[in-house]
Amino acid sequence: MNSPIVIAHRGASAHRPEHTLAAYELAIELGADFIEPDVVSTRDGRLVARHENEISGTTDVASRPEFAGRRTVKEVDGRAKDGWFTEDFTLAELRTLRARERLPELRETGFDGRFRIPELDEVIELAARAGVGVYPETKHPTYFAGLGLALEPPLLAALEGFGGPVFIQSFEAGNLRALRELTDHPLVRLTAGPAPDVAEIAAYADAIGPHKDQVIPRGEDGALGEPTALVDEAHAAGLLVHPWTFRPEPQFVPAGLDGGAELDRFLALGVDGVFADDPGAAVAARSRAAGPR
């Protein structure tokens, strides 16, 4: 793809509860090129689409008395988390839960309770029917491997036979290095914080997914500053650049801009794709960047 790709971040998550088939379906209607399922494991080794394995913020599990005893505290990647975790549920049990809006103070909650948690296979089947790509992220792969629930084998098995484009992303370099030996699918290293070492990343990945502040930092006033050299350096190393995450709400947008203007600034730098909660806005920005035909 020559023009920047639009990656529907957790589906059209600005408009529907994230990681539901409804969110992915709407994203496709809005013109997304890829839908993004974050993947975590169930107790019986099935992959489901959730941003985190702790699910109290995105499902109704806390209100379900039959699961009250499953609440616990776990250390995940060095951080203590209190709640309910996918690895303590079978797929059948998770299917009884219903999704709810993760940001109820900012977004519409009228869809709460209407949709269930989808299995990864369902997301891939939807993408195949619609002719769009899938962009899965392995969430906490080292943690899950330590539980005997490694994400990589079922992920690659689910992608077998899918004829559309694929990117596989992770924050863990070790996870991507292992995947490099197992698959030809393009791999994406997600980054945040200090400037990443693009030469090191280029040794095992095909793209970088930087936090957008690594591309254009914000000043103390919240406004966008001057771009860094990251896009040019990544391109020189042979890496595509897909920054995250573009959200339409004013709380997430740089001072002095709206969401569309922010996207315009990043696309003007030559990024190769964007993760967007509102894929329709990203599609519109891409059209503006392309100019009249």
Protein backbone atom coordinates (compact mmCIF):
# COMPACT_ATOMS: atom_id res chain seq x y z
CA MET A 1 0.00 0.00 0.00
CA ASN A 2 1.53 3.31 -1.06
CA SER A 3 -0.83 5.69 0.72
CA PRO A 4 -0.88 5.73 4.52
CA ILE A 5 -2.96 2.95 6.00
CA VAL A 6 -5.75 3.55 8.49
CA ILE A 7 -5.66 1.12 11.40
CA ALA A 8 -8.90 0.99 13.38
CA HIS A 9 -7.60 1.06 16.96
CA ARG A 10 -9.60 -1.61 18.80
CA GLY A 11 -12.19 -1.13 16.06
CA ALA A 12 -14.09 2.14 15.75
CA SER A 13 -13.62 2.53 19.48
CA ALA A 14 -14.65 6.19 19.52
CA HIS A 15 -18.16 5.05 18.57
CA ARG A 16 -18.68 1.51 19.91
CA PRO A 17 -17.33 -0.45 22.88
CA GLU A 18 -13.79 -1.44 21.97
CA HIS A 19 -12.86 -4.90 20.72
CA THR A 20 -16.39 -5.93 19.78
CA LEU A 21 -17.53 -7.18 16.41
CA ALA A 22 -19.75 -4.10 16.22
CA ALA A 23 -16.71 -1.85 16.64
CA TYR A 24 -14.80 -3.70 13.93
CA GLU A 25 -17.79 -3.71 11.58
CA LEU A 26 -18.27 0.03 11.95
CA ALA A 27 -14.57 0.59 11.38
CA ILE A 28 -14.82 -1.26 8.09
CA GLU A 29 -17.85 0.83 7.11
CA LEU A 30 -15.85 3.98 7.86
CA GLY A 31 -13.08 2.91 5.50
CA ALA A 32 -10.40 1.39 7.73
CA ASP A 33 -7.74 -0.66 5.94
CA PHE A 34 -6.96 -2.77 9.02
CA ILE A 35 -8.83 -3.76 12.14
CA GLU A 36 -6.78 -4.21 15.30
CA PRO A 37 -7.53 -7.02 17.73
CA ASP A 38 -5.41 -7.06 20.86
CA VAL A 39 -5.16 -10.71 21.88
CA VAL A 40 -5.11 -12.36 25.30
CA SER A 41 -5.67 -15.97 26.31
CA THR A 42 -8.47 -17.75 28.10
CA ARG A 43 -7.87 -20.54 30.62
CA ASP A 44 -8.46 -23.09 27.88
CA GLY A 45 -5.94 -21.53 25.51
CA ARG A 46 -8.30 -19.65 23.19
CA LEU A 47 -7.45 -16.14 22.03
CA VAL A 48 -9.99 -13.37 22.55
CA ALA A 49 -9.93 -9.69 21.67
CA ARG A 50 -9.35 -7.55 24.78
CA HIS A 51 -6.96 -4.69 25.38
CA GLU A 52 -5.93 -6.21 28.69
CA ASN A 53 -6.29 -9.55 30.40
CA GLU A 54 -7.89 -7.65 33.32
CA ILE A 55 -11.45 -7.10 32.11
CA SER A 56 -13.37 -5.22 34.79
CA GLY A 57 -13.08 -1.96 32.85
CA THR A 58 -14.48 -3.28 29.56
CA THR A 59 -17.06 -5.90 30.58
CA ASP A 60 -19.85 -6.38 33.11
CA VAL A 61 -17.89 -9.04 35.03
CA ALA A 62 -17.87 -7.01 38.27
CA SER A 63 -21.68 -7.12 38.37
CA ARG A 64 -21.92 -10.86 37.81
CA PRO A 65 -22.36 -12.62 41.18
CA GLU A 66 -21.42 -16.01 39.78
CA PHE A 67 -17.91 -14.67 39.12
CA ALA A 68 -17.42 -12.66 42.32
CA GLY A 69 -14.99 -15.24 43.65
CA ARG A 70 -12.71 -14.85 40.63
CA ARG A 71 -11.61 -11.35 41.67
CA THR A 72 -7.94 -11.37 42.57
CA VAL A 73 -4.71 -9.38 42.54
CA LYS A 74 -1.97 -10.39 40.12
CA GLU A 75 1.38 -9.03 39.07
CA VAL A 76 1.44 -8.57 35.30
CA ASP A 77 4.68 -7.35 33.76
CA GLY A 78 5.83 -5.99 37.09
CA ARG A 79 2.62 -4.16 37.98
CA ALA A 80 0.01 -5.24 40.52
CA LYS A 81 -3.50 -5.40 39.10
CA ASP A 82 -6.75 -5.99 40.94
CA GLY A 83 -9.71 -7.46 39.10
CA TRP A 84 -10.84 -10.31 36.90
CA PHE A 85 -8.46 -11.90 34.39
CA THR A 86 -9.17 -13.71 31.13
CA GLU A 87 -6.82 -16.56 31.98
CA ASP A 88 -9.13 -17.48 34.88
CA PHE A 89 -12.12 -17.99 32.57
CA THR A 90 -12.91 -20.50 29.86
CA LEU A 91 -14.00 -19.20 26.49
CA ALA A 92 -17.54 -20.36 27.22
CA GLU A 93 -17.60 -18.36 30.45
CA LEU A 94 -16.24 -15.23 28.79
CA ARG A 95 -18.92 -15.48 26.14
CA THR A 96 -21.56 -14.92 28.84
CA LEU A 97 -20.10 -11.48 29.62
CA ARG A 98 -21.12 -8.29 27.85
CA ALA A 99 -18.89 -5.44 26.77
CA ARG A 100 -19.15 -1.92 28.10
CA GLU A 101 -17.53 1.41 27.27
CA ARG A 102 -14.06 1.81 28.75
CA LEU A 103 -14.30 5.64 28.84
CA PRO A 104 -17.87 6.27 29.99
CA GLU A 105 -17.08 9.81 31.08
CA LEU A 106 -16.12 10.70 27.50
CA ARG A 107 -18.06 8.41 25.19
CA GLU A 108 -21.54 7.10 24.50
CA THR A 109 -22.60 4.32 26.87
CA GLY A 110 -25.86 3.41 25.15
CA PHE A 111 -24.25 0.32 23.64
CA ASP A 112 -23.23 -1.16 26.98
CA GLY A 113 -24.47 -4.70 27.44
CA ARG A 114 -25.28 -5.31 23.78
CA PHE A 115 -22.14 -7.05 22.57
CA ARG A 116 -20.04 -9.96 23.72
CA ILE A 117 -16.29 -10.59 23.70
CA PRO A 118 -15.23 -11.94 20.30
CA GLU A 119 -12.79 -14.75 19.73
CA LEU A 120 -9.83 -13.91 17.46
CA ASP A 121 -11.09 -16.35 14.84
CA GLU A 122 -14.30 -14.32 14.51
CA VAL A 123 -12.35 -11.10 13.96
CA ILE A 124 -10.22 -12.70 11.27
CA GLU A 125 -13.29 -14.16 9.58
CA LEU A 126 -14.90 -10.71 9.55
CA ALA A 127 -11.77 -9.19 8.00
CA ALA A 128 -11.70 -11.91 5.35
CA ARG A 129 -15.33 -11.31 4.41
CA ALA A 130 -14.83 -7.55 4.25
CA GLY A 131 -11.50 -7.63 2.42
CA VAL A 132 -9.53 -5.69 5.02
CA GLY A 133 -6.34 -6.51 6.89
CA VAL A 134 -5.81 -7.59 10.48
CA TYR A 135 -3.26 -6.04 12.81
CA PRO A 136 -3.16 -8.16 15.99
CA GLU A 137 -1.16 -7.19 19.07
CA THR A 138 0.17 -9.80 21.47
CA LYS A 139 -0.59 -8.52 24.96
CA HIS A 140 1.78 -9.56 27.76
CA PRO A 141 3.27 -12.48 25.78
CA THR A 142 5.98 -13.31 28.33
CA TYR A 143 3.43 -13.33 31.13
CA PHE A 144 1.11 -15.67 29.25
CA ALA A 145 3.98 -17.94 28.25
CA GLY A 146 4.82 -18.26 31.93
CA LEU A 147 1.31 -19.57 32.53
CA GLY A 148 1.67 -22.19 29.82
CA LEU A 149 -0.64 -20.15 27.59
CA ALA A 150 1.77 -18.87 24.93
CA LEU A 151 0.04 -16.54 22.47
CA GLU A 152 2.18 -17.16 19.40
CA PRO A 153 1.09 -20.69 18.34
CA PRO A 154 -2.67 -20.02 18.42
CA LEU A 155 -2.18 -16.60 16.82
CA LEU A 156 -0.24 -17.99 13.88
CA ALA A 157 -2.69 -20.88 13.56
CA ALA A 158 -5.60 -18.45 13.41
CA LEU A 159 -3.88 -16.49 10.64
CA GLU A 160 -3.29 -19.56 8.48
CA GLY A 161 -5.43 -19.36 5.39
CA PHE A 162 -6.19 -15.65 5.82
CA GLY A 163 -5.47 -14.11 2.45
CA GLY A 164 -5.45 -10.47 3.43
CA PRO A 165 -2.64 -8.25 4.68
CA VAL A 166 -1.34 -8.77 8.22
CA PHE A 167 0.88 -6.94 10.67
CA ILE A 168 1.72 -8.46 14.05
CA GLN A 169 2.68 -5.97 16.76
CA SER A 170 4.13 -6.15 20.24
CA PHE A 171 5.86 -4.01 22.86
CA GLU A 172 8.17 -6.93 23.63
CA ALA A 173 11.27 -7.27 21.49
CA GLY A 174 11.80 -10.86 22.58
CA ASN A 175 8.33 -11.79 21.41
CA LEU A 176 8.98 -10.31 17.98
CA ARG A 177 12.41 -11.91 17.68
CA ALA A 178 10.81 -15.29 18.34
CA LEU A 179 8.05 -14.59 15.83
CA ARG A 180 10.65 -13.61 13.21
CA GLU A 181 11.77 -17.26 13.21
CA LEU A 182 8.21 -18.56 12.85
CA THR A 183 6.44 -16.33 10.33
CA ASP A 184 6.88 -14.11 7.29
CA HIS A 185 4.12 -11.73 8.40
CA PRO A 186 5.43 -8.18 8.85
CA LEU A 187 6.29 -7.43 12.48
CA VAL A 188 5.85 -4.11 14.27
CA ARG A 189 7.69 -3.00 17.40
CA LEU A 190 5.57 -0.72 19.55
CA THR A 191 7.46 1.96 21.46
CA ALA A 192 6.89 4.71 24.00
CA GLY A 193 9.05 6.93 26.15
CA PRO A 194 12.68 7.67 25.18
CA ALA A 195 13.68 7.75 21.53
CA PRO A 196 13.83 4.18 20.19
CA ASP A 197 16.92 2.63 18.62
CA VAL A 198 15.69 2.17 15.07
CA ALA A 199 18.75 0.25 13.94
CA GLU A 200 18.19 -2.33 16.68
CA ILE A 201 14.51 -2.61 15.83
CA ALA A 202 15.26 -3.01 12.11
CA ALA A 203 17.18 -6.19 12.93
CA TYR A 204 13.95 -8.08 13.63
CA ALA A 205 10.96 -5.90 12.67
CA ASP A 206 9.49 -4.40 9.53
CA ALA A 207 7.84 -1.38 11.11
CA ILE A 208 7.78 0.72 14.22
CA GLY A 209 4.66 1.79 16.06
CA PRO A 210 5.78 4.81 18.08
CA HIS A 211 3.72 6.76 20.55
CA LYS A 212 2.82 9.92 18.66
CA ASP A 213 4.78 12.06 21.16
CA GLN A 214 7.93 10.34 19.88
CA VAL A 215 7.15 11.74 16.43
CA ILE A 216 5.98 15.23 17.40
CA PRO A 217 6.44 16.00 21.09
CA ARG A 218 4.16 18.36 22.95
CA GLY A 219 5.36 21.43 24.78
CA GLU A 220 4.53 22.39 28.34
CA ASP A 221 1.51 24.25 26.98
CA GLY A 222 0.16 21.04 25.42
CA ALA A 223 0.73 22.23 21.86
CA LEU A 224 2.69 20.29 19.27
CA GLY A 225 6.36 21.17 19.07
CA GLU A 226 8.88 20.51 16.34
CA PRO A 227 8.98 17.01 14.81
CA THR A 228 11.77 14.68 15.81
CA ALA A 229 13.93 12.86 13.28
CA LEU A 230 12.22 9.53 14.02
CA VAL A 231 10.25 9.22 10.77
CA ASP A 232 13.28 9.94 8.60
CA GLU A 233 15.54 7.68 10.68
CA ALA A 234 13.07 4.82 10.58
CA HIS A 235 12.59 5.12 6.83
CA ALA A 236 16.36 5.19 6.33
CA ALA A 237 16.56 1.92 8.30
CA GLY A 238 13.86 0.36 6.11
CA LEU A 239 11.08 0.58 8.70
CA LEU A 240 7.51 1.70 8.15
CA VAL A 241 6.13 4.13 10.73
CA HIS A 242 2.63 3.72 12.23
CA PRO A 243 2.17 6.12 15.19
CA TRP A 244 -0.52 5.70 17.87
CA THR A 245 -3.10 6.68 19.01
CA PHE A 246 -5.25 9.39 17.43
CA ARG A 247 -8.44 10.05 19.38
CA PRO A 248 -11.07 12.68 18.58
CA GLU A 249 -11.93 13.88 22.09
CA PRO A 250 -10.43 17.26 23.13
CA GLN A 251 -8.80 15.65 26.17
CA PHE A 252 -6.49 13.72 23.83
CA VAL A 253 -5.83 16.36 21.16
CA PRO A 254 -2.92 18.83 21.28
CA ALA A 255 -3.74 22.35 22.38
CA GLY A 256 -4.92 24.61 19.59
CA LEU A 257 -5.93 21.79 17.24
CA ASP A 258 -8.87 19.54 16.61
CA GLY A 259 -8.47 15.84 15.83
CA GLY A 260 -8.48 16.36 12.08
CA ALA A 261 -5.79 19.02 12.20
CA GLU A 262 -3.62 16.79 14.38
CA LEU A 263 -3.87 13.97 11.85
CA ASP A 264 -3.00 16.42 9.08
CA ARG A 265 0.23 17.36 10.85
CA PHE A 266 1.36 13.75 11.20
CA LEU A 267 0.43 12.69 7.69
CA ALA A 268 2.39 15.63 6.34
CA LEU A 269 5.53 14.08 7.86
CA GLY A 270 5.19 11.01 5.65
CA VAL A 271 4.10 8.44 8.22
CA ASP A 272 2.99 5.17 6.65
CA GLY A 273 -0.15 4.67 8.71
CA VAL A 274 -2.01 5.79 11.82
CA PHE A 275 -3.84 4.08 14.63
CA ALA A 276 -7.15 5.88 15.07
CA ASP A 277 -10.11 5.45 17.41
CA ASP A 278 -12.21 7.20 14.75
CA PRO A 279 -11.07 5.64 11.47
CA GLY A 280 -13.46 7.81 9.50
CA ALA A 281 -11.56 10.92 10.61
CA ALA A 282 -8.27 9.30 9.58
CA VAL A 283 -9.68 8.37 6.17
CA ALA A 284 -10.80 11.98 5.68
CA ALA A 285 -7.35 13.26 6.68
CA ARG A 286 -5.70 10.90 4.23
CA SER A 287 -7.94 12.24 1.47
CA ARG A 288 -6.94 15.80 2.37
CA ALA A 289 -3.27 14.83 2.31
CA ALA A 290 -3.65 13.30 -1.15
CA GLY A 291 -5.11 16.52 -2.48
CA PRO A 292 -7.43 16.94 -5.49
CA ARG A 293 -7.35 14.30 -8.18
